[in-house]
Amino acid sequence: MMKNKEMFDSLYKEVGKIVVGQKSVVEQILITILCDANALLEGYPGLAKTLAIRTMAKLMDLKFSRIQNTPDLMPSDITGTYIIEETSGKRNFKFQPGPIFANIVLADEINRATPKTQSAMLEAMQEKQVTVGNKTFQLDRPFFVLATQNPIEQEGTYPLPEAQADRFLLKIRVGYPTYDEEVEIVDKYAFQSIEKKVKLIFNKNEIMHMQDLVRQVPIANDLKKRVVSIVAETRKNPNLIEYGASPRASIGLVLASKARALVKGRNYVSKDDIDTMAYPILRHRIILNFEAERKGMSTDDAIKEIISKVR
């Protein structure tokens, strides 16, 4: 466990050469990768979401691709398409893979894509495969979709349907840097033009080995019940929540808590792991009712109230 902890510490150190602050965002992206899952990052433009994801792909020797979602983006622009190829006078159809054929796919501003294009992404996220015409292509493992959405510009956007939002393990909030961090960002990027090199920390096989390790991290019975109680509580608060979370949230919370324990260098899940991970696990899976919204409550406020009710 300690060796893993040293590797994770090295990873934070390397990311820190490029990305200032955002330690909890980097930790949550790492947890998503260790859980072999997908994450949704929400934050204002210019907060290093793309930079953090691209840097982590470099550190893990993973093929990175970026899809800039727009309303005119077609499913074939993501999955790939057949092209006609002429060889020695014969014409053949050849499959040209799209940007989804990578290990880490950054889907920028996913809520700008039409529902049809979003659903093409969904198959890749869930089944780790792509169907074009009548042929199915397996995607390279490990495979993750890290999607970003901008919380302010809602003109010309298609909000993610609840069913699709549920496929993301975590919804990660990306906040503004502190004053000191912003001074450091200005020093780093307004004066220096040399791109810092980062060294490789993991390879694909090590990542897949760690994904197996995550599932082996033990969790005490009372903590397992705590997870289920927290998720069940989201369905018992009609004065606060219109729609609660599904059992997929319980599975996700157990897995994410195990991954966090591994990242922190422990071989057991603690209560703190569960309470911390409950926020990114639940914030996109519950819908507040009108009364809660009228009071100006956020989903995080509702989650805090729910956690405090579960003994």
Protein backbone atom coordinates (compact mmCIF):
# COMPACT_ATOMS: atom_id res chain seq x y z
CA MET A 1 0.00 0.00 0.00
CA MET A 2 2.84 2.36 0.91
CA LYS A 3 4.47 1.93 -2.52
CA ASN A 4 1.18 2.96 -4.13
CA LYS A 5 0.95 5.98 -1.83
CA GLU A 6 4.44 7.09 -2.93
CA MET A 7 3.40 6.77 -6.59
CA PHE A 8 0.28 8.87 -6.00
CA ASP A 9 2.34 11.51 -4.16
CA SER A 10 4.76 11.62 -7.13
CA LEU A 11 1.77 12.05 -9.45
CA TYR A 12 0.49 15.07 -7.46
CA LYS A 13 4.00 16.54 -7.50
CA GLU A 14 4.27 16.17 -11.30
CA VAL A 15 0.77 17.59 -11.91
CA GLY A 16 1.73 20.50 -9.63
CA LYS A 17 4.49 21.48 -12.10
CA ILE A 18 1.79 22.35 -14.64
CA VAL A 19 -1.44 22.89 -12.69
CA VAL A 20 -1.45 25.25 -9.70
CA GLY A 21 -3.75 24.18 -6.84
CA GLN A 22 -6.87 22.10 -7.71
CA LYS A 23 -5.55 19.22 -5.55
CA SER A 24 -9.03 17.88 -4.77
CA VAL A 25 -10.00 18.02 -8.49
CA VAL A 26 -6.85 16.04 -9.41
CA GLU A 27 -7.59 13.54 -6.60
CA GLN A 28 -11.16 13.05 -7.82
CA ILE A 29 -10.02 12.53 -11.45
CA LEU A 30 -7.55 9.93 -10.13
CA ILE A 31 -10.33 8.20 -8.16
CA THR A 32 -12.48 8.10 -11.33
CA ILE A 33 -9.61 6.44 -13.25
CA LEU A 34 -9.00 3.90 -10.45
CA CYS A 35 -12.72 3.02 -10.49
CA ASP A 36 -12.61 2.51 -14.29
CA ALA A 37 -15.39 5.08 -14.58
CA ASN A 38 -16.28 8.45 -16.14
CA ALA A 39 -16.53 11.91 -14.56
CA LEU A 40 -18.30 15.17 -15.26
CA LEU A 41 -16.34 18.34 -14.43
CA GLU A 42 -18.31 21.51 -13.91
CA GLY A 43 -16.63 24.89 -13.65
CA TYR A 44 -16.27 28.26 -15.29
CA PRO A 45 -13.99 28.66 -18.32
CA GLY A 46 -10.25 29.11 -17.70
CA LEU A 47 -9.97 27.01 -14.52
CA ALA A 48 -7.47 24.47 -15.96
CA LYS A 49 -9.96 21.61 -16.46
CA THR A 50 -8.48 20.65 -19.84
CA LEU A 51 -4.92 21.25 -18.64
CA ALA A 52 -5.36 18.96 -15.61
CA ILE A 53 -6.83 16.13 -17.71
CA ARG A 54 -4.21 16.42 -20.47
CA THR A 55 -1.37 16.47 -17.89
CA MET A 56 -2.70 13.34 -16.16
CA ALA A 57 -2.92 11.53 -19.51
CA LYS A 58 0.79 12.34 -20.10
CA LEU A 59 1.78 11.09 -16.63
CA MET A 60 -0.02 7.79 -17.24
CA ASP A 61 1.18 7.26 -20.81
CA LEU A 62 -2.42 7.25 -22.05
CA LYS A 63 -3.58 8.28 -25.50
CA PHE A 64 -5.49 11.55 -25.09
CA SER A 65 -8.09 13.04 -27.41
CA ARG A 66 -10.34 16.04 -27.12
CA ILE A 67 -13.82 16.45 -28.58
CA GLN A 68 -15.15 20.00 -28.68
CA ASN A 69 -18.92 19.56 -28.57
CA THR A 70 -21.02 21.86 -30.72
CA PRO A 71 -24.69 21.67 -31.79
CA ASP A 72 -23.69 20.60 -35.33
CA LEU A 73 -21.41 17.75 -34.15
CA MET A 74 -22.61 14.44 -35.62
CA PRO A 75 -22.29 11.01 -33.94
CA SER A 76 -19.95 9.93 -36.78
CA ASP A 77 -17.63 12.87 -35.92
CA ILE A 78 -17.05 11.09 -32.59
CA THR A 79 -17.18 7.39 -33.46
CA GLY A 80 -15.60 7.48 -36.91
CA THR A 81 -16.93 6.62 -40.35
CA TYR A 82 -16.31 4.47 -43.41
CA ILE A 83 -14.33 6.01 -46.23
CA ILE A 84 -13.81 4.72 -49.77
CA GLU A 85 -10.24 3.65 -50.37
CA GLU A 86 -8.86 2.77 -53.79
CA THR A 87 -6.11 0.15 -53.98
CA SER A 88 -4.87 -1.39 -57.27
CA GLY A 89 -7.99 -0.27 -59.13
CA LYS A 90 -10.41 -1.69 -56.52
CA ARG A 91 -12.59 0.40 -54.27
CA ASN A 92 -13.09 -0.73 -50.69
CA PHE A 93 -14.76 0.71 -47.63
CA LYS A 94 -12.28 1.31 -44.83
CA PHE A 95 -13.16 2.31 -41.28
CA GLN A 96 -11.58 5.58 -40.18
CA PRO A 97 -11.66 5.66 -36.33
CA GLY A 98 -12.90 8.88 -34.69
CA PRO A 99 -11.49 10.68 -31.61
CA ILE A 100 -13.37 8.32 -29.24
CA PHE A 101 -10.60 5.77 -29.98
CA ALA A 102 -8.27 6.92 -27.21
CA ASN A 103 -7.70 6.08 -23.52
CA ILE A 104 -8.76 9.41 -22.02
CA VAL A 105 -11.37 11.31 -23.98
CA LEU A 106 -12.07 14.88 -22.93
CA ALA A 107 -15.59 15.77 -24.06
CA ASP A 108 -15.51 19.56 -23.77
CA GLU A 109 -18.85 21.27 -23.09
CA ILE A 110 -20.84 18.05 -23.47
CA ASN A 111 -24.12 19.93 -22.94
CA ARG A 112 -23.59 21.71 -26.28
CA ALA A 113 -23.97 18.46 -28.25
CA THR A 114 -27.41 17.29 -29.44
CA PRO A 115 -29.08 14.35 -27.63
CA LYS A 116 -28.28 12.07 -30.62
CA THR A 117 -24.56 12.82 -30.32
CA GLN A 118 -24.68 12.53 -26.52
CA SER A 119 -26.17 9.02 -26.88
CA ALA A 120 -23.27 7.95 -29.17
CA MET A 121 -20.96 8.95 -26.33
CA LEU A 122 -23.13 6.99 -23.87
CA GLU A 123 -22.54 3.63 -25.60
CA ALA A 124 -18.78 4.21 -25.51
CA MET A 125 -18.92 5.22 -21.82
CA GLN A 126 -21.06 2.30 -20.73
CA GLU A 127 -20.17 -0.58 -23.04
CA LYS A 128 -16.56 0.46 -23.88
CA GLN A 129 -17.44 -0.15 -27.53
CA VAL A 130 -18.66 1.73 -30.59
CA THR A 131 -21.18 0.56 -33.20
CA VAL A 132 -20.90 2.01 -36.69
CA GLY A 133 -23.37 0.63 -39.26
CA ASN A 134 -23.70 -3.04 -38.34
CA LYS A 135 -20.18 -3.49 -36.97
CA THR A 136 -19.06 -3.14 -33.37
CA PHE A 137 -15.53 -2.01 -32.46
CA GLN A 138 -14.04 -2.56 -29.00
CA LEU A 139 -12.29 0.43 -27.45
CA ASP A 140 -8.77 0.26 -26.06
CA ARG A 141 -8.54 -0.35 -22.31
CA PRO A 142 -8.28 1.55 -20.01
CA PHE A 143 -10.94 3.93 -21.34
CA PHE A 144 -12.43 6.99 -19.62
CA VAL A 145 -14.63 9.87 -20.67
CA LEU A 146 -14.03 13.06 -18.70
CA ALA A 147 -16.67 15.56 -19.78
CA THR A 148 -16.83 19.24 -18.91
CA GLN A 149 -19.82 21.50 -18.76
CA ASN A 150 -20.03 25.22 -18.30
CA PRO A 151 -22.56 26.18 -15.58
CA ILE A 152 -23.23 29.70 -16.91
CA GLU A 153 -23.88 29.65 -20.64
CA GLN A 154 -27.18 27.89 -21.09
CA GLU A 155 -28.02 29.40 -24.50
CA GLY A 156 -28.07 26.71 -27.17
CA THR A 157 -27.32 23.87 -24.77
CA TYR A 158 -28.99 20.49 -24.30
CA PRO A 159 -28.89 19.62 -20.60
CA LEU A 160 -27.72 16.06 -19.97
CA PRO A 161 -30.70 13.73 -19.44
CA GLU A 162 -30.80 12.28 -15.88
CA ALA A 163 -30.17 8.76 -17.23
CA GLN A 164 -26.97 9.91 -18.91
CA ALA A 165 -25.79 12.03 -16.01
CA ASP A 166 -26.18 8.89 -13.85
CA ARG A 167 -23.54 7.14 -16.01
CA PHE A 168 -20.89 9.52 -14.68
CA LEU A 169 -19.44 8.19 -11.44
CA LEU A 170 -18.56 11.67 -10.12
CA LYS A 171 -19.61 15.22 -10.74
CA ILE A 172 -16.51 17.23 -9.87
CA ARG A 173 -16.88 20.92 -9.02
CA VAL A 174 -13.94 23.00 -10.19
CA GLY A 175 -13.65 26.19 -8.15
CA TYR A 176 -11.63 29.39 -8.44
CA PRO A 177 -8.02 29.39 -7.17
CA THR A 178 -7.08 31.17 -3.94
CA TYR A 179 -5.42 34.62 -4.15
CA ASP A 180 -1.91 33.17 -3.61
CA GLU A 181 -2.52 30.41 -6.17
CA GLU A 182 -3.64 33.00 -8.73
CA VAL A 183 -0.45 35.02 -8.17
CA GLU A 184 1.52 31.80 -8.80
CA ILE A 185 -0.52 31.11 -11.98
CA VAL A 186 0.27 34.60 -13.29
CA ASP A 187 3.99 34.12 -12.50
CA LYS A 188 3.98 30.73 -14.22
CA TYR A 189 2.07 31.57 -17.38
CA ALA A 190 2.46 35.32 -18.00
CA PHE A 191 6.26 35.39 -17.81
CA GLN A 192 7.60 31.98 -18.78
CA SER A 193 7.05 30.41 -22.18
CA ILE A 194 8.98 27.17 -21.67
CA GLU A 195 6.67 24.19 -21.37
CA LYS A 196 7.56 22.14 -18.30
CA LYS A 197 8.22 18.44 -18.94
CA VAL A 198 6.56 15.86 -16.72
CA LYS A 199 7.83 12.35 -16.11
CA LEU A 200 5.88 9.13 -16.50
CA ILE A 201 4.44 7.78 -13.23
CA PHE A 202 2.17 4.89 -14.32
CA ASN A 203 1.72 2.79 -17.42
CA LYS A 204 -1.51 1.17 -18.68
CA ASN A 205 -0.84 -2.19 -17.01
CA GLU A 206 -0.18 -0.57 -13.63
CA ILE A 207 -3.44 1.40 -13.90
CA MET A 208 -5.40 -1.79 -14.67
CA HIS A 209 -3.66 -3.58 -11.77
CA MET A 210 -4.68 -0.72 -9.44
CA GLN A 211 -8.26 -0.93 -10.68
CA ASP A 212 -8.24 -4.57 -9.48
CA LEU A 213 -6.70 -3.51 -6.15
CA VAL A 214 -9.50 -0.96 -5.56
CA ARG A 215 -12.13 -3.72 -5.58
CA GLN A 216 -10.10 -5.71 -3.03
CA VAL A 217 -9.96 -2.89 -0.44
CA PRO A 218 -12.08 -4.15 2.50
CA ILE A 219 -15.01 -2.16 3.87
CA ALA A 220 -16.53 -2.83 7.31
CA ASN A 221 -20.14 -4.00 7.39
CA ASP A 222 -21.38 -0.98 9.37
CA LEU A 223 -19.76 1.40 6.81
CA LYS A 224 -21.32 -0.52 3.93
CA LYS A 225 -24.70 -0.04 5.63
CA ARG A 226 -23.89 3.66 6.12
CA VAL A 227 -23.45 4.01 2.35
CA VAL A 228 -26.82 2.38 1.64
CA SER A 229 -28.47 4.48 4.39
CA ILE A 230 -27.14 7.75 2.88
CA VAL A 231 -28.40 6.83 -0.60
CA ALA A 232 -31.75 5.57 0.76
CA GLU A 233 -32.15 8.82 2.73
CA THR A 234 -32.16 10.77 -0.58
CA ARG A 235 -35.47 9.01 -1.39
CA LYS A 236 -37.08 9.70 1.99
CA ASN A 237 -36.97 13.50 2.00
CA PRO A 238 -39.92 14.74 -0.08
CA ASN A 239 -39.64 18.17 1.62
CA LEU A 240 -36.10 18.49 0.21
CA ILE A 241 -35.62 16.15 -2.75
CA GLU A 242 -37.97 15.51 -5.69
CA TYR A 243 -36.07 12.46 -7.02
CA GLY A 244 -33.52 10.45 -5.04
CA ALA A 245 -30.51 8.43 -6.19
CA SER A 246 -30.62 4.89 -7.62
CA PRO A 247 -28.71 1.81 -6.36
CA ARG A 248 -26.02 2.76 -8.90
CA ALA A 249 -25.14 5.56 -6.44
CA SER A 250 -24.62 3.00 -3.62
CA ILE A 251 -22.28 0.91 -5.79
CA GLY A 252 -20.44 4.07 -6.89
CA LEU A 253 -20.06 5.40 -3.34
CA VAL A 254 -18.57 2.12 -2.08
CA LEU A 255 -16.16 1.95 -5.05
CA ALA A 256 -15.13 5.63 -4.84
CA SER A 257 -14.55 5.31 -1.07
CA LYS A 258 -12.32 2.27 -1.66
CA ALA A 259 -10.35 4.18 -4.33
CA ARG A 260 -9.94 7.18 -2.00
CA ALA A 261 -8.61 4.87 0.76
CA LEU A 262 -6.04 3.48 -1.71
CA VAL A 263 -5.00 6.98 -2.83
CA LYS A 264 -4.57 8.01 0.83
CA GLY A 265 -2.34 4.95 1.44
CA ARG A 266 -4.81 2.99 3.60
CA ASN A 267 -5.99 -0.61 3.15
CA TYR A 268 -9.43 0.01 4.69
CA VAL A 269 -12.33 2.39 4.07
CA SER A 270 -13.00 5.07 6.69
CA LYS A 271 -16.16 7.03 7.53
CA ASP A 272 -14.38 10.14 6.21
CA ASP A 273 -13.93 8.48 2.77
CA ILE A 274 -17.67 7.88 2.55
CA ASP A 275 -18.74 11.33 3.75
CA THR A 276 -16.25 13.09 1.42
CA MET A 277 -17.15 11.06 -1.68
CA ALA A 278 -20.92 11.36 -1.05
CA TYR A 279 -20.85 14.89 -2.54
CA PRO A 280 -19.39 14.15 -6.01
CA ILE A 281 -21.33 10.86 -6.16
CA LEU A 282 -24.75 12.33 -5.35
CA ARG A 283 -24.76 15.94 -6.62
CA HIS A 284 -25.82 14.97 -10.18
CA ARG A 285 -28.12 12.16 -9.08
CA ILE A 286 -30.62 14.06 -6.94
CA ILE A 287 -33.14 16.65 -8.03
CA LEU A 288 -34.17 19.25 -5.46
CA ASN A 289 -37.84 20.11 -5.10
CA PHE A 290 -39.29 23.56 -5.56
CA GLU A 291 -39.34 24.29 -1.82
CA ALA A 292 -35.60 23.60 -1.42
CA GLU A 293 -34.78 25.70 -4.49
CA ARG A 294 -36.97 28.53 -3.19
CA LYS A 295 -34.88 28.57 0.00
CA GLY A 296 -31.78 28.92 -2.20
CA MET A 297 -30.39 25.51 -1.26
CA SER A 298 -27.80 23.84 -3.48
CA THR A 299 -27.55 20.08 -4.02
CA ASP A 300 -24.43 20.12 -1.78
CA ASP A 301 -26.48 21.72 1.03
CA ALA A 302 -29.06 18.93 0.68
CA ILE A 303 -26.33 16.24 0.73
CA LYS A 304 -24.83 17.80 3.88
CA GLU A 305 -28.23 17.65 5.58
CA ILE A 306 -28.70 14.01 4.54
CA ILE A 307 -25.25 12.95 5.82
CA SER A 308 -25.96 14.62 9.18
CA LYS A 309 -29.19 12.58 9.51
CA VAL A 310 -27.44 9.23 9.04
CA ARG A 311 -25.92 8.03 12.26
